[in-house]
Amino acid sequence: MTTSKRTLKTPNRLSYNTYGTDKEYLQRLEKHLLTPLQGMEMLEGDMYMSDYRELISALWLIKNKDQ
């Protein structure tokens, strides 16, 4: 139930002009965190720029959750 406006049902910022439910927020966060963390685990800590970008996207979601 993604919308362009914040409502009681969609309180979480998913991207610049997109808001969603708690479930959508957690799914988006998981999408950004899962691949880089699995890659780091398999490569014993090595990180690629694409993994770094996904982690930065996850950080943005966390920092801007309530703004």
Protein backbone atom coordinates (compact mmCIF):
# COMPACT_ATOMS: atom_id res chain seq x y z
CA MET A 1 0.00 0.00 0.00
CA THR A 2 2.62 2.49 -1.10
CA THR A 3 1.47 6.10 -1.37
CA SER A 4 2.96 9.49 -2.14
CA LYS A 5 1.65 10.97 1.12
CA ARG A 6 2.21 10.05 4.75
CA THR A 7 -0.95 8.70 6.41
CA LEU A 8 -1.74 6.73 9.56
CA LYS A 9 -1.59 3.51 7.51
CA THR A 10 1.62 4.49 5.68
CA PRO A 11 3.82 6.31 8.23
CA ASN A 12 7.25 5.16 6.99
CA ARG A 13 9.34 6.91 4.34
CA LEU A 14 10.48 4.38 1.72
CA SER A 15 12.11 6.80 -0.73
CA TYR A 16 12.05 10.52 -1.50
CA ASN A 17 8.31 10.81 -2.14
CA THR A 18 7.07 7.34 -1.20
CA TYR A 19 5.59 6.14 2.08
CA GLY A 20 4.56 2.67 3.16
CA THR A 21 3.48 0.41 5.98
CA ASP A 22 5.75 -1.08 8.64
CA LYS A 23 5.86 -4.35 6.71
CA GLU A 24 6.88 -2.59 3.48
CA TYR A 25 9.53 -0.64 5.38
CA LEU A 26 11.05 -3.82 6.82
CA GLN A 27 10.92 -5.56 3.43
CA ARG A 28 12.72 -2.61 1.81
CA LEU A 29 15.31 -2.55 4.59
CA GLU A 30 15.85 -6.31 4.29
CA LYS A 31 16.30 -5.98 0.53
CA HIS A 32 19.10 -3.46 1.05
CA LEU A 33 20.82 -5.36 3.87
CA LEU A 34 20.56 -9.02 2.89
CA THR A 35 22.82 -9.17 -0.19
CA PRO A 36 25.73 -7.10 1.17
CA LEU A 37 25.75 -8.92 4.48
CA GLN A 38 25.65 -12.33 2.80
CA GLY A 39 28.45 -11.24 0.50
CA MET A 40 30.55 -10.05 3.41
CA GLU A 41 29.93 -13.33 5.20
CA MET A 42 30.93 -15.46 2.20
CA LEU A 43 33.98 -13.37 1.29
CA GLU A 44 35.18 -13.06 4.87
CA GLY A 45 34.72 -9.30 5.08
CA ASP A 46 35.49 -8.12 1.56
CA MET A 47 33.04 -5.52 0.33
CA TYR A 48 32.30 -4.34 -3.20
CA MET A 49 31.03 -0.88 -4.13
CA SER A 50 27.58 -2.28 -4.98
CA ASP A 51 27.38 -3.77 -1.49
CA TYR A 52 28.48 -0.48 0.02
CA ARG A 53 25.76 1.35 -1.97
CA GLU A 54 23.09 -1.02 -0.65
CA LEU A 55 24.26 -0.46 2.93
CA ILE A 56 24.16 3.31 2.41
CA SER A 57 20.59 2.96 1.08
CA ALA A 58 19.65 0.99 4.20
CA LEU A 59 21.25 3.67 6.38
CA TRP A 60 19.21 6.34 4.56
CA LEU A 61 16.01 4.40 5.27
CA ILE A 62 16.86 4.15 8.95
CA LYS A 63 17.91 7.78 9.36
CA ASN A 64 14.89 9.20 7.49
CA LYS A 65 12.23 6.86 8.85
CA ASP A 66 10.34 9.54 10.78
CA GLN A 67 11.10 12.64 8.74
